[in-house]
Amino acid sequence: MEATSFRDYAEFWMKTVKYPILKPVSYDRLEQTYNTVCNYIGCIQLGNVSSEDIQAMINDLSSTKAYSTVKKHYEFVKGVFQCAYNSQNITFDPCPAVQLPIERNMKVKTKKTEILPEDITEKMYEFNNTLRQSNNQFFKHMPVLLLILNAGMRIGEALALEWDDIDFKNKGLRVNKTLTKAKERDDKGYVVGKSKKTFCDITKTESGNRLIPLNDMAISLLKQIKDYNKLKNIKTDHVASTVDGGYVSERNILRTYKNVPGIVGAEDYTIHALRHTFASRLLKAGTEISVVSKLLGHADIKTTYSTYIHVLNDQMTNVMSGISKV
């Protein structure tokens, strides 16, 4: 097996070990990582790949990529060699000798979490009120965007929502699935066809399956969507739907969002800022981080800490500045 190229063994590892356990979109991302790694060491025989070869790849990626991207490529290589070593296909694992860069010294910094200022979100609400009166068709998904802001859902989770997931009486929303677009593959992982396929799948982790209590604004937004559907005679099971009642693609919801920042003055913010703003405002209001973590559907509270550490630091500063002595 050592005479096999890294490229061939990595493909074998992907299709036999990773494909059965990954969701379609996650496997697509893994394949992208595979292609990049193979540009560096793909042609080298598996047993001849040295620690120096991998280190050279890590060093080169570190000059143009953020730490998270570099680490993802290292973890890919590490997974391949652990499998090969544990299966006794090689006698030496080169990965333990490889050093990842220190994150704070990286040339390309990990993008900071985006939080929308309150004046911007107020302008978004005002804009939505204008749309509500006019029944504007181009911005018909604006209530869905504001629902993400008020419930902290991921984009795919919001697009997969069905009306059966909404409990108006008890003011709750059940997140149990996500909408993604990925390559269609056969049972062995090989691509079928040229176009991507839309998948509605269960949430990524058990923690992702959660109940989110709804505030008054969220209820109002959901009723706005219902009123619009009734006006336009749209019959659908989906909260976010096309005029034909089908799923709305992420591409279409992004198209709506991209036109909003220019109107409200938020050109520098991506759609992910909606979910981050939800979490940030809950933390600033004094909500326990463990509660915020559950509402976001994080599998590990460490993810919540690392993502919103700047908000927690601001809280500590505010608390201590208000105490003259202990």
C-alpha atoms as a PDB file:
ATOM      1  CA  MET A   1       0.000   0.000   0.000  1.00  0.00           C
ATOM      2  CA  GLU A   2       2.996   2.347   0.580  1.00  0.00           C
ATOM      3  CA  ALA A   3       3.535   2.361  -3.208  1.00  0.00           C
ATOM      4  CA  THR A   4       0.079   3.923  -3.588  1.00  0.00           C
ATOM      5  CA  SER A   5       0.110   7.673  -4.124  1.00  0.00           C
ATOM      6  CA  PHE A   6      -1.196   9.953  -1.388  1.00  0.00           C
ATOM      7  CA  ARG A   7      -3.894  11.107  -3.817  1.00  0.00           C
ATOM      8  CA  ASP A   8      -5.267   7.594  -4.350  1.00  0.00           C
ATOM      9  CA  TYR A   9      -5.169   6.600  -0.691  1.00  0.00           C
ATOM     10  CA  ALA A  10      -6.778   9.883   0.404  1.00  0.00           C
ATOM     11  CA  GLU A  11      -9.590   9.297  -2.065  1.00  0.00           C
ATOM     12  CA  PHE A  12     -10.026   5.761  -0.708  1.00  0.00           C
ATOM     13  CA  TRP A  13     -10.125   7.146   2.863  1.00  0.00           C
ATOM     14  CA  MET A  14     -12.694   9.770   1.916  1.00  0.00           C
ATOM     15  CA  LYS A  15     -15.046   7.353   0.209  1.00  0.00           C
ATOM     16  CA  THR A  16     -14.818   4.500   2.715  1.00  0.00           C
ATOM     17  CA  VAL A  17     -14.388   6.340   6.019  1.00  0.00           C
ATOM     18  CA  LYS A  18     -15.835   9.847   5.616  1.00  0.00           C
ATOM     19  CA  TYR A  19     -18.541   9.553   2.963  1.00  0.00           C
ATOM     20  CA  PRO A  20     -20.851   7.280   5.008  1.00  0.00           C
ATOM     21  CA  ILE A  21     -20.877   9.687   7.979  1.00  0.00           C
ATOM     22  CA  LEU A  22     -20.833  13.151   6.400  1.00  0.00           C
ATOM     23  CA  LYS A  23     -23.717  15.193   5.096  1.00  0.00           C
ATOM     24  CA  PRO A  24     -23.556  16.027   1.375  1.00  0.00           C
ATOM     25  CA  VAL A  25     -22.434  19.649   1.803  1.00  0.00           C
ATOM     26  CA  SER A  26     -19.776  18.633   4.353  1.00  0.00           C
ATOM     27  CA  TYR A  27     -18.419  16.034   1.944  1.00  0.00           C
ATOM     28  CA  ASP A  28     -18.246  18.665  -0.802  1.00  0.00           C
ATOM     29  CA  ARG A  29     -16.118  20.832   1.493  1.00  0.00           C
ATOM     30  CA  LEU A  30     -13.911  17.857   2.331  1.00  0.00           C
ATOM     31  CA  GLU A  31     -13.405  17.250  -1.378  1.00  0.00           C
ATOM     32  CA  GLN A  32     -12.279  20.862  -1.831  1.00  0.00           C
ATOM     33  CA  THR A  33      -9.716  20.362   0.930  1.00  0.00           C
ATOM     34  CA  TYR A  34      -8.588  17.122  -0.730  1.00  0.00           C
ATOM     35  CA  ASN A  35      -7.999  18.922  -4.030  1.00  0.00           C
ATOM     36  CA  THR A  36      -5.869  21.609  -2.387  1.00  0.00           C
ATOM     37  CA  VAL A  37      -3.811  19.111  -0.384  1.00  0.00           C
ATOM     38  CA  CYS A  38      -3.209  17.000  -3.490  1.00  0.00           C
ATOM     39  CA  ASN A  39      -1.743  20.037  -5.251  1.00  0.00           C
ATOM     40  CA  TYR A  40       1.087  19.775  -2.731  1.00  0.00           C
ATOM     41  CA  ILE A  41       1.611  16.081  -1.957  1.00  0.00           C
ATOM     42  CA  GLY A  42      -0.873  14.179  -4.131  1.00  0.00           C
ATOM     43  CA  CYS A  43       1.704  12.643  -6.474  1.00  0.00           C
ATOM     44  CA  ILE A  44       4.067  11.450  -3.723  1.00  0.00           C
ATOM     45  CA  GLN A  45       3.883   7.795  -2.746  1.00  0.00           C
ATOM     46  CA  LEU A  46       2.004   7.448   0.554  1.00  0.00           C
ATOM     47  CA  GLY A  47       4.946   5.908   2.396  1.00  0.00           C
ATOM     48  CA  ASN A  48       7.356   8.555   1.074  1.00  0.00           C
ATOM     49  CA  VAL A  49       5.471  11.634   2.269  1.00  0.00           C
ATOM     50  CA  SER A  50       7.727  13.213   4.878  1.00  0.00           C
ATOM     51  CA  SER A  51       7.043  15.566   7.762  1.00  0.00           C
ATOM     52  CA  GLU A  52       8.986  18.163   5.782  1.00  0.00           C
ATOM     53  CA  ASP A  53       6.615  17.783   2.810  1.00  0.00           C
ATOM     54  CA  ILE A  54       3.590  18.420   5.011  1.00  0.00           C
ATOM     55  CA  GLN A  55       5.320  21.246   6.872  1.00  0.00           C
ATOM     56  CA  ALA A  56       6.130  22.948   3.578  1.00  0.00           C
ATOM     57  CA  MET A  57       2.444  22.772   2.647  1.00  0.00           C
ATOM     58  CA  ILE A  58       1.401  24.216   6.021  1.00  0.00           C
ATOM     59  CA  ASN A  59       3.941  27.029   5.755  1.00  0.00           C
ATOM     60  CA  ASP A  60       2.850  27.936   2.239  1.00  0.00           C
ATOM     61  CA  LEU A  61      -0.854  27.940   3.133  1.00  0.00           C
ATOM     62  CA  SER A  62      -0.092  30.051   6.197  1.00  0.00           C
ATOM     63  CA  SER A  63       1.203  32.864   4.003  1.00  0.00           C
ATOM     64  CA  THR A  64      -2.174  33.397   2.309  1.00  0.00           C
ATOM     65  CA  LYS A  65      -4.845  31.686   4.437  1.00  0.00           C
ATOM     66  CA  ALA A  66      -6.388  32.186   7.884  1.00  0.00           C
ATOM     67  CA  TYR A  67      -5.532  29.838  10.746  1.00  0.00           C
ATOM     68  CA  SER A  68      -8.836  27.951  10.558  1.00  0.00           C
ATOM     69  CA  THR A  69      -8.217  27.108   6.888  1.00  0.00           C
ATOM     70  CA  VAL A  70      -4.649  25.965   7.525  1.00  0.00           C
ATOM     71  CA  LYS A  71      -5.774  23.791  10.433  1.00  0.00           C
ATOM     72  CA  LYS A  72      -8.524  22.227   8.301  1.00  0.00           C
ATOM     73  CA  HIS A  73      -5.960  21.099   5.715  1.00  0.00           C
ATOM     74  CA  TYR A  74      -3.652  19.726   8.388  1.00  0.00           C
ATOM     75  CA  GLU A  75      -6.528  17.790   9.992  1.00  0.00           C
ATOM     76  CA  PHE A  76      -7.319  16.271   6.595  1.00  0.00           C
ATOM     77  CA  VAL A  77      -3.758  15.011   6.139  1.00  0.00           C
ATOM     78  CA  LYS A  78      -3.658  13.832   9.749  1.00  0.00           C
ATOM     79  CA  GLY A  79      -6.839  11.805   9.254  1.00  0.00           C
ATOM     80  CA  VAL A  80      -5.474  10.105   6.150  1.00  0.00           C
ATOM     81  CA  PHE A  81      -2.197   9.097   7.802  1.00  0.00           C
ATOM     82  CA  GLN A  82      -3.813   7.956  11.048  1.00  0.00           C
ATOM     83  CA  CYS A  83      -6.022   5.622   9.035  1.00  0.00           C
ATOM     84  CA  ALA A  84      -3.091   4.343   6.977  1.00  0.00           C
ATOM     85  CA  TYR A  85      -0.912   3.825  10.058  1.00  0.00           C
ATOM     86  CA  ASN A  86      -3.622   2.145  12.156  1.00  0.00           C
ATOM     87  CA  SER A  87      -4.402  -0.150   9.220  1.00  0.00           C
ATOM     88  CA  GLN A  88      -0.684  -1.002   8.966  1.00  0.00           C
ATOM     89  CA  ASN A  89      -0.501   0.292   5.406  1.00  0.00           C
ATOM     90  CA  ILE A  90       2.478   2.445   6.426  1.00  0.00           C
ATOM     91  CA  THR A  91       5.069   2.018   9.143  1.00  0.00           C
ATOM     92  CA  PHE A  92       5.575   5.715   9.919  1.00  0.00           C
ATOM     93  CA  ASP A  93       3.137   8.572  10.514  1.00  0.00           C
ATOM     94  CA  PRO A  94       4.771  11.889   9.524  1.00  0.00           C
ATOM     95  CA  CYS A  95       2.102  14.161  11.049  1.00  0.00           C
ATOM     96  CA  PRO A  96       3.134  14.351  14.742  1.00  0.00           C
ATOM     97  CA  ALA A  97       6.361  16.147  13.790  1.00  0.00           C
ATOM     98  CA  VAL A  98       4.479  18.865  11.874  1.00  0.00           C
ATOM     99  CA  GLN A  99       3.917  22.195  13.644  1.00  0.00           C
ATOM    100  CA  LEU A 100       0.873  24.370  13.035  1.00  0.00           C
ATOM    101  CA  PRO A 101       1.504  28.138  13.054  1.00  0.00           C
ATOM    102  CA  ILE A 102       0.672  30.302  16.062  1.00  0.00           C
ATOM    103  CA  GLU A 103      -2.655  31.908  15.283  1.00  0.00           C
ATOM    104  CA  ARG A 104      -1.773  35.370  16.586  1.00  0.00           C
ATOM    105  CA  ASN A 105       1.264  35.485  14.273  1.00  0.00           C
ATOM    106  CA  MET A 106      -0.696  34.678  11.114  1.00  0.00           C
ATOM    107  CA  LYS A 107      -0.505  37.235   8.301  1.00  0.00           C
ATOM    108  CA  VAL A 108      -4.161  36.667   7.423  1.00  0.00           C
ATOM    109  CA  LYS A 109      -6.342  37.120  10.499  1.00  0.00           C
ATOM    110  CA  THR A 110      -9.543  35.166  11.086  1.00  0.00           C
ATOM    111  CA  LYS A 111     -12.464  37.438  10.241  1.00  0.00           C
ATOM    112  CA  LYS A 112     -14.036  39.039  13.290  1.00  0.00           C
ATOM    113  CA  THR A 113     -17.604  38.185  14.220  1.00  0.00           C
ATOM    114  CA  GLU A 114     -19.909  40.773  12.680  1.00  0.00           C
ATOM    115  CA  ILE A 115     -22.452  42.474  14.935  1.00  0.00           C
ATOM    116  CA  LEU A 116     -25.043  44.837  13.495  1.00  0.00           C
ATOM    117  CA  PRO A 117     -25.379  48.192  15.316  1.00  0.00           C
ATOM    118  CA  GLU A 118     -28.810  48.935  16.779  1.00  0.00           C
ATOM    119  CA  ASP A 119     -29.404  51.877  14.457  1.00  0.00           C
ATOM    120  CA  ILE A 120     -28.949  49.560  11.467  1.00  0.00           C
ATOM    121  CA  THR A 121     -31.396  46.945  12.733  1.00  0.00           C
ATOM    122  CA  GLU A 122     -33.915  49.687  13.481  1.00  0.00           C
ATOM    123  CA  LYS A 123     -33.613  50.854   9.874  1.00  0.00           C
ATOM    124  CA  MET A 124     -34.189  47.251   8.758  1.00  0.00           C
ATOM    125  CA  TYR A 125     -37.410  47.127  10.785  1.00  0.00           C
ATOM    126  CA  GLU A 126     -38.518  50.464   9.338  1.00  0.00           C
ATOM    127  CA  PHE A 127     -37.775  49.240   5.832  1.00  0.00           C
ATOM    128  CA  ASN A 128     -39.755  46.062   6.481  1.00  0.00           C
ATOM    129  CA  ASN A 129     -42.726  48.099   7.715  1.00  0.00           C
ATOM    130  CA  THR A 130     -42.662  50.004   4.426  1.00  0.00           C
ATOM    131  CA  LEU A 131     -42.634  46.706   2.533  1.00  0.00           C
ATOM    132  CA  ARG A 132     -45.482  45.386   4.642  1.00  0.00           C
ATOM    133  CA  GLN A 133     -47.685  48.218   3.464  1.00  0.00           C
ATOM    134  CA  SER A 134     -46.719  47.876  -0.197  1.00  0.00           C
ATOM    135  CA  ASN A 135     -46.466  44.060  -0.479  1.00  0.00           C
ATOM    136  CA  ASN A 136     -43.250  44.526  -2.437  1.00  0.00           C
ATOM    137  CA  GLN A 137     -42.484  41.288  -4.292  1.00  0.00           C
ATOM    138  CA  PHE A 138     -38.736  41.818  -4.761  1.00  0.00           C
ATOM    139  CA  PHE A 139     -38.162  42.008  -0.995  1.00  0.00           C
ATOM    140  CA  LYS A 140     -40.759  39.403  -0.062  1.00  0.00           C
ATOM    141  CA  HIS A 141     -38.130  37.463   1.938  1.00  0.00           C
ATOM    142  CA  MET A 142     -37.280  40.427   4.187  1.00  0.00           C
ATOM    143  CA  PRO A 143     -39.398  38.997   7.082  1.00  0.00           C
ATOM    144  CA  VAL A 144     -37.364  35.768   6.878  1.00  0.00           C
ATOM    145  CA  LEU A 145     -34.143  37.749   7.275  1.00  0.00           C
ATOM    146  CA  LEU A 146     -35.525  39.515  10.330  1.00  0.00           C
ATOM    147  CA  LEU A 147     -36.745  36.171  11.688  1.00  0.00           C
ATOM    148  CA  ILE A 148     -33.132  34.947  11.578  1.00  0.00           C
ATOM    149  CA  LEU A 149     -32.166  38.074  13.530  1.00  0.00           C
ATOM    150  CA  ASN A 150     -34.813  37.354  16.178  1.00  0.00           C
ATOM    151  CA  ALA A 151     -34.331  33.581  16.465  1.00  0.00           C
ATOM    152  CA  GLY A 152     -30.601  33.181  15.788  1.00  0.00           C
ATOM    153  CA  MET A 153     -31.046  30.415  13.234  1.00  0.00           C
ATOM    154  CA  ARG A 154     -28.528  29.420  10.592  1.00  0.00           C
ATOM    155  CA  ILE A 155     -29.584  30.319   7.057  1.00  0.00           C
ATOM    156  CA  GLY A 156     -30.165  26.689   6.064  1.00  0.00           C
ATOM    157  CA  GLU A 157     -32.289  26.127   9.177  1.00  0.00           C
ATOM    158  CA  ALA A 158     -34.492  29.119   8.364  1.00  0.00           C
ATOM    159  CA  LEU A 159     -34.971  27.972   4.758  1.00  0.00           C
ATOM    160  CA  ALA A 160     -35.945  24.465   5.908  1.00  0.00           C
ATOM    161  CA  LEU A 161     -38.606  25.721   8.348  1.00  0.00           C
ATOM    162  CA  GLU A 162     -42.135  24.462   7.815  1.00  0.00           C
ATOM    163  CA  TRP A 163     -45.319  25.864   9.290  1.00  0.00           C
ATOM    164  CA  ASP A 164     -45.714  22.647  11.296  1.00  0.00           C
ATOM    165  CA  ASP A 165     -42.500  23.655  13.107  1.00  0.00           C
ATOM    166  CA  ILE A 166     -44.175  26.829  14.418  1.00  0.00           C
ATOM    167  CA  ASP A 167     -46.243  26.766  17.608  1.00  0.00           C
ATOM    168  CA  PHE A 168     -48.088  30.100  17.643  1.00  0.00           C
ATOM    169  CA  LYS A 169     -50.040  29.245  20.807  1.00  0.00           C
ATOM    170  CA  ASN A 170     -46.933  28.598  22.924  1.00  0.00           C
ATOM    171  CA  LYS A 171     -44.714  30.987  20.939  1.00  0.00           C
ATOM    172  CA  GLY A 172     -42.102  28.433  19.958  1.00  0.00           C
ATOM    173  CA  LEU A 173     -40.181  27.342  16.885  1.00  0.00           C
ATOM    174  CA  ARG A 174     -38.721  23.875  16.385  1.00  0.00           C
ATOM    175  CA  VAL A 175     -35.442  23.605  14.484  1.00  0.00           C
ATOM    176  CA  ASN A 176     -34.923  20.030  13.289  1.00  0.00           C
ATOM    177  CA  LYS A 177     -33.637  20.223   9.720  1.00  0.00           C
ATOM    178  CA  THR A 178     -31.513  22.294   7.384  1.00  0.00           C
ATOM    179  CA  LEU A 179     -31.550  23.100   3.680  1.00  0.00           C
ATOM    180  CA  THR A 180     -28.304  22.716   1.756  1.00  0.00           C
ATOM    181  CA  LYS A 181     -27.137  22.443  -1.825  1.00  0.00           C
ATOM    182  CA  ALA A 182     -24.512  19.882  -2.739  1.00  0.00           C
ATOM    183  CA  LYS A 183     -23.298  17.635  -5.510  1.00  0.00           C
ATOM    184  CA  GLU A 184     -25.441  14.574  -6.145  1.00  0.00           C
ATOM    185  CA  ARG A 185     -23.456  11.365  -5.614  1.00  0.00           C
ATOM    186  CA  ASP A 186     -23.964   7.636  -5.912  1.00  0.00           C
ATOM    187  CA  ASP A 187     -23.641   5.253  -2.955  1.00  0.00           C
ATOM    188  CA  LYS A 188     -19.856   5.160  -3.392  1.00  0.00           C
ATOM    189  CA  GLY A 189     -19.383   8.916  -3.343  1.00  0.00           C
ATOM    190  CA  TYR A 190     -18.888   9.509  -7.058  1.00  0.00           C
ATOM    191  CA  VAL A 191     -20.559  12.577  -8.571  1.00  0.00           C
ATOM    192  CA  VAL A 192     -23.714  12.012 -10.604  1.00  0.00           C
ATOM    193  CA  GLY A 193     -24.572  14.714 -13.116  1.00  0.00           C
ATOM    194  CA  LYS A 194     -23.200  18.238 -13.406  1.00  0.00           C
ATOM    195  CA  SER A 195     -25.638  20.337 -11.388  1.00  0.00           C
ATOM    196  CA  LYS A 196     -25.950  20.509  -7.611  1.00  0.00           C
ATOM    197  CA  LYS A 197     -29.010  19.191  -5.807  1.00  0.00           C
ATOM    198  CA  THR A 198     -30.967  20.721  -2.925  1.00  0.00           C
ATOM    199  CA  PHE A 199     -31.024  18.557   0.199  1.00  0.00           C
ATOM    200  CA  CYS A 200     -33.299  19.012   3.208  1.00  0.00           C
ATOM    201  CA  ASP A 201     -31.647  17.023   5.955  1.00  0.00           C
ATOM    202  CA  ILE A 202     -31.790  16.666   9.724  1.00  0.00           C
ATOM    203  CA  THR A 203     -29.719  19.167  11.687  1.00  0.00           C
ATOM    204  CA  LYS A 204     -25.955  18.675  11.858  1.00  0.00           C
ATOM    205  CA  THR A 205     -25.879  17.573  15.518  1.00  0.00           C
ATOM    206  CA  GLU A 206     -28.331  16.553  18.215  1.00  0.00           C
ATOM    207  CA  SER A 207     -27.807  19.944  19.844  1.00  0.00           C
ATOM    208  CA  GLY A 208     -28.899  21.524  16.566  1.00  0.00           C
ATOM    209  CA  ASN A 209     -32.339  19.961  17.080  1.00  0.00           C
ATOM    210  CA  ARG A 210     -33.802  22.555  19.437  1.00  0.00           C
ATOM    211  CA  LEU A 211     -36.808  24.602  20.506  1.00  0.00           C
ATOM    212  CA  ILE A 212     -36.455  28.380  20.223  1.00  0.00           C
ATOM    213  CA  PRO A 213     -38.904  30.551  22.185  1.00  0.00           C
ATOM    214  CA  LEU A 214     -40.244  33.350  19.983  1.00  0.00           C
ATOM    215  CA  ASN A 215     -40.491  37.001  20.930  1.00  0.00           C
ATOM    216  CA  ASP A 216     -43.335  39.262  19.813  1.00  0.00           C
ATOM    217  CA  MET A 217     -41.393  40.523  16.804  1.00  0.00           C
ATOM    218  CA  ALA A 218     -40.777  36.979  15.537  1.00  0.00           C
ATOM    219  CA  ILE A 219     -44.491  36.171  15.855  1.00  0.00           C
ATOM    220  CA  SER A 220     -45.344  39.366  13.973  1.00  0.00           C
ATOM    221  CA  LEU A 221     -42.905  38.492  11.169  1.00  0.00           C
ATOM    222  CA  LEU A 222     -44.367  35.007  10.796  1.00  0.00           C
ATOM    223  CA  LYS A 223     -47.876  36.457  10.584  1.00  0.00           C
ATOM    224  CA  GLN A 224     -46.608  38.920   7.978  1.00  0.00           C
ATOM    225  CA  ILE A 225     -45.428  36.002   5.841  1.00  0.00           C
ATOM    226  CA  LYS A 226     -48.787  34.268   6.253  1.00  0.00           C
ATOM    227  CA  ASP A 227     -50.652  37.431   5.247  1.00  0.00           C
ATOM    228  CA  TYR A 228     -48.459  37.837   2.168  1.00  0.00           C
ATOM    229  CA  ASN A 229     -49.037  34.226   1.129  1.00  0.00           C
ATOM    230  CA  LYS A 230     -52.780  34.650   1.527  1.00  0.00           C
ATOM    231  CA  LEU A 231     -52.752  37.839  -0.523  1.00  0.00           C
ATOM    232  CA  LYS A 232     -50.739  36.217  -3.322  1.00  0.00           C
ATOM    233  CA  ASN A 233     -52.596  32.889  -3.036  1.00  0.00           C
ATOM    234  CA  ILE A 234     -49.368  31.024  -2.266  1.00  0.00           C
ATOM    235  CA  LYS A 235     -50.091  27.599  -0.818  1.00  0.00           C
ATOM    236  CA  THR A 236     -47.047  26.077   0.839  1.00  0.00           C
ATOM    237  CA  ASP A 237     -45.757  24.076   3.809  1.00  0.00           C
ATOM    238  CA  HIS A 238     -42.596  26.211   3.925  1.00  0.00           C
ATOM    239  CA  VAL A 239     -42.144  29.404   5.930  1.00  0.00           C
ATOM    240  CA  ALA A 240     -39.772  30.740   3.270  1.00  0.00           C
ATOM    241  CA  SER A 241     -41.191  29.763  -0.101  1.00  0.00           C
ATOM    242  CA  THR A 242     -41.183  30.570  -3.783  1.00  0.00           C
ATOM    243  CA  VAL A 243     -44.340  31.787  -5.517  1.00  0.00           C
ATOM    244  CA  ASP A 244     -44.948  28.143  -6.445  1.00  0.00           C
ATOM    245  CA  GLY A 245     -44.694  27.066  -2.798  1.00  0.00           C
ATOM    246  CA  GLY A 246     -41.289  25.377  -3.097  1.00  0.00           C
ATOM    247  CA  TYR A 247     -38.041  25.820  -1.203  1.00  0.00           C
ATOM    248  CA  VAL A 248     -36.203  29.146  -1.441  1.00  0.00           C
ATOM    249  CA  SER A 249     -32.544  28.624  -2.317  1.00  0.00           C
ATOM    250  CA  GLU A 250     -29.775  30.169  -0.238  1.00  0.00           C
ATOM    251  CA  ARG A 251     -28.728  32.015  -3.378  1.00  0.00           C
ATOM    252  CA  ASN A 252     -32.103  33.771  -3.569  1.00  0.00           C
ATOM    253  CA  ILE A 253     -32.184  34.728   0.105  1.00  0.00           C
ATOM    254  CA  LEU A 254     -28.659  36.119  -0.260  1.00  0.00           C
ATOM    255  CA  ARG A 255     -29.796  38.115  -3.290  1.00  0.00           C
ATOM    256  CA  THR A 256     -32.484  39.733  -1.149  1.00  0.00           C
ATOM    257  CA  TYR A 257     -30.044  40.444   1.664  1.00  0.00           C
ATOM    258  CA  LYS A 258     -27.389  41.955  -0.597  1.00  0.00           C
ATOM    259  CA  ASN A 259     -29.851  44.626  -1.667  1.00  0.00           C
ATOM    260  CA  VAL A 260     -30.805  45.514   1.905  1.00  0.00           C
ATOM    261  CA  PRO A 261     -27.423  46.835   3.204  1.00  0.00           C
ATOM    262  CA  GLY A 262     -27.297  49.566   0.576  1.00  0.00           C
ATOM    263  CA  ILE A 263     -30.732  50.760   1.649  1.00  0.00           C
ATOM    264  CA  VAL A 264     -30.064  50.790   5.402  1.00  0.00           C
ATOM    265  CA  GLY A 265     -26.354  51.656   5.300  1.00  0.00           C
ATOM    266  CA  ALA A 266     -24.881  48.272   6.244  1.00  0.00           C
ATOM    267  CA  GLU A 267     -22.785  47.495   3.167  1.00  0.00           C
ATOM    268  CA  ASP A 268     -19.941  45.948   5.184  1.00  0.00           C
ATOM    269  CA  TYR A 269     -22.050  43.275   6.877  1.00  0.00           C
ATOM    270  CA  THR A 270     -22.753  39.761   5.602  1.00  0.00           C
ATOM    271  CA  ILE A 271     -25.928  37.791   6.219  1.00  0.00           C
ATOM    272  CA  HIS A 272     -24.191  35.884   9.029  1.00  0.00           C
ATOM    273  CA  ALA A 273     -24.248  39.125  11.041  1.00  0.00           C
ATOM    274  CA  LEU A 274     -27.955  38.498  11.709  1.00  0.00           C
ATOM    275  CA  ARG A 275     -27.299  35.342  13.753  1.00  0.00           C
ATOM    276  CA  HIS A 276     -24.261  36.887  15.461  1.00  0.00           C
ATOM    277  CA  THR A 277     -26.260  39.964  16.421  1.00  0.00           C
ATOM    278  CA  PHE A 278     -28.928  37.760  18.014  1.00  0.00           C
ATOM    279  CA  ALA A 279     -26.333  36.058  20.222  1.00  0.00           C
ATOM    280  CA  SER A 280     -24.463  39.256  21.032  1.00  0.00           C
ATOM    281  CA  ARG A 281     -27.559  41.105  22.210  1.00  0.00           C
ATOM    282  CA  LEU A 282     -28.669  38.226  24.406  1.00  0.00           C
ATOM    283  CA  LEU A 283     -25.247  38.151  26.067  1.00  0.00           C
ATOM    284  CA  LYS A 284     -25.237  41.911  26.546  1.00  0.00           C
ATOM    285  CA  ALA A 285     -28.683  41.628  28.148  1.00  0.00           C
ATOM    286  CA  GLY A 286     -27.158  39.296  30.746  1.00  0.00           C
ATOM    287  CA  THR A 287     -28.307  35.939  29.370  1.00  0.00           C
ATOM    288  CA  GLU A 288     -26.169  33.021  30.576  1.00  0.00           C
ATOM    289  CA  ILE A 289     -23.767  31.891  27.872  1.00  0.00           C
ATOM    290  CA  SER A 290     -24.931  28.281  28.340  1.00  0.00           C
ATOM    291  CA  VAL A 291     -28.473  29.388  27.402  1.00  0.00           C
ATOM    292  CA  VAL A 292     -27.226  31.317  24.362  1.00  0.00           C
ATOM    293  CA  SER A 293     -25.205  28.280  23.297  1.00  0.00           C
ATOM    294  CA  LYS A 294     -28.312  26.077  23.394  1.00  0.00           C
ATOM    295  CA  LEU A 295     -30.399  28.612  21.491  1.00  0.00           C
ATOM    296  CA  LEU A 296     -27.736  28.763  18.774  1.00  0.00           C
ATOM    297  CA  GLY A 297     -27.538  24.975  18.555  1.00  0.00           C
ATOM    298  CA  HIS A 298     -23.821  24.793  19.314  1.00  0.00           C
ATOM    299  CA  ALA A 299     -22.612  21.281  20.094  1.00  0.00           C
ATOM    300  CA  ASP A 300     -19.935  22.634  22.444  1.00  0.00           C
ATOM    301  CA  ILE A 301     -20.147  25.706  24.653  1.00  0.00           C
ATOM    302  CA  LYS A 302     -16.478  26.359  23.826  1.00  0.00           C
ATOM    303  CA  THR A 303     -17.628  27.332  20.332  1.00  0.00           C
ATOM    304  CA  THR A 304     -19.905  29.977  21.836  1.00  0.00           C
ATOM    305  CA  TYR A 305     -17.129  31.277  24.095  1.00  0.00           C
ATOM    306  CA  SER A 306     -14.588  31.558  21.287  1.00  0.00           C
ATOM    307  CA  THR A 307     -17.054  33.185  18.877  1.00  0.00           C
ATOM    308  CA  TYR A 308     -18.346  35.814  21.297  1.00  0.00           C
ATOM    309  CA  ILE A 309     -15.327  36.359  23.573  1.00  0.00           C
ATOM    310  CA  HIS A 310     -15.239  40.050  22.622  1.00  0.00           C
ATOM    311  CA  VAL A 311     -18.798  40.502  23.887  1.00  0.00           C
ATOM    312  CA  LEU A 312     -17.924  38.787  27.177  1.00  0.00           C
ATOM    313  CA  ASN A 313     -14.838  40.984  27.540  1.00  0.00           C
ATOM    314  CA  ASP A 314     -16.985  44.089  27.104  1.00  0.00           C
ATOM    315  CA  GLN A 315     -19.347  42.774  29.769  1.00  0.00           C
ATOM    316  CA  MET A 316     -16.485  42.264  32.234  1.00  0.00           C
ATOM    317  CA  THR A 317     -15.244  45.797  31.599  1.00  0.00           C
ATOM    318  CA  ASN A 318     -18.717  47.249  32.181  1.00  0.00           C
ATOM    319  CA  VAL A 319     -19.215  45.249  35.378  1.00  0.00           C
ATOM    320  CA  MET A 320     -15.852  46.185  36.881  1.00  0.00           C
ATOM    321  CA  SER A 321     -16.152  49.855  35.946  1.00  0.00           C
ATOM    322  CA  GLY A 322     -19.384  50.000  37.921  1.00  0.00           C
ATOM    323  CA  ILE A 323     -17.789  48.620  41.102  1.00  0.00           C
ATOM    324  CA  SER A 324     -15.598  51.014  43.057  1.00  0.00           C
ATOM    325  CA  LYS A 325     -14.381  48.261  45.382  1.00  0.00           C
ATOM    326  CA  VAL A 326     -15.107  44.675  46.355  1.00  0.00           C
END
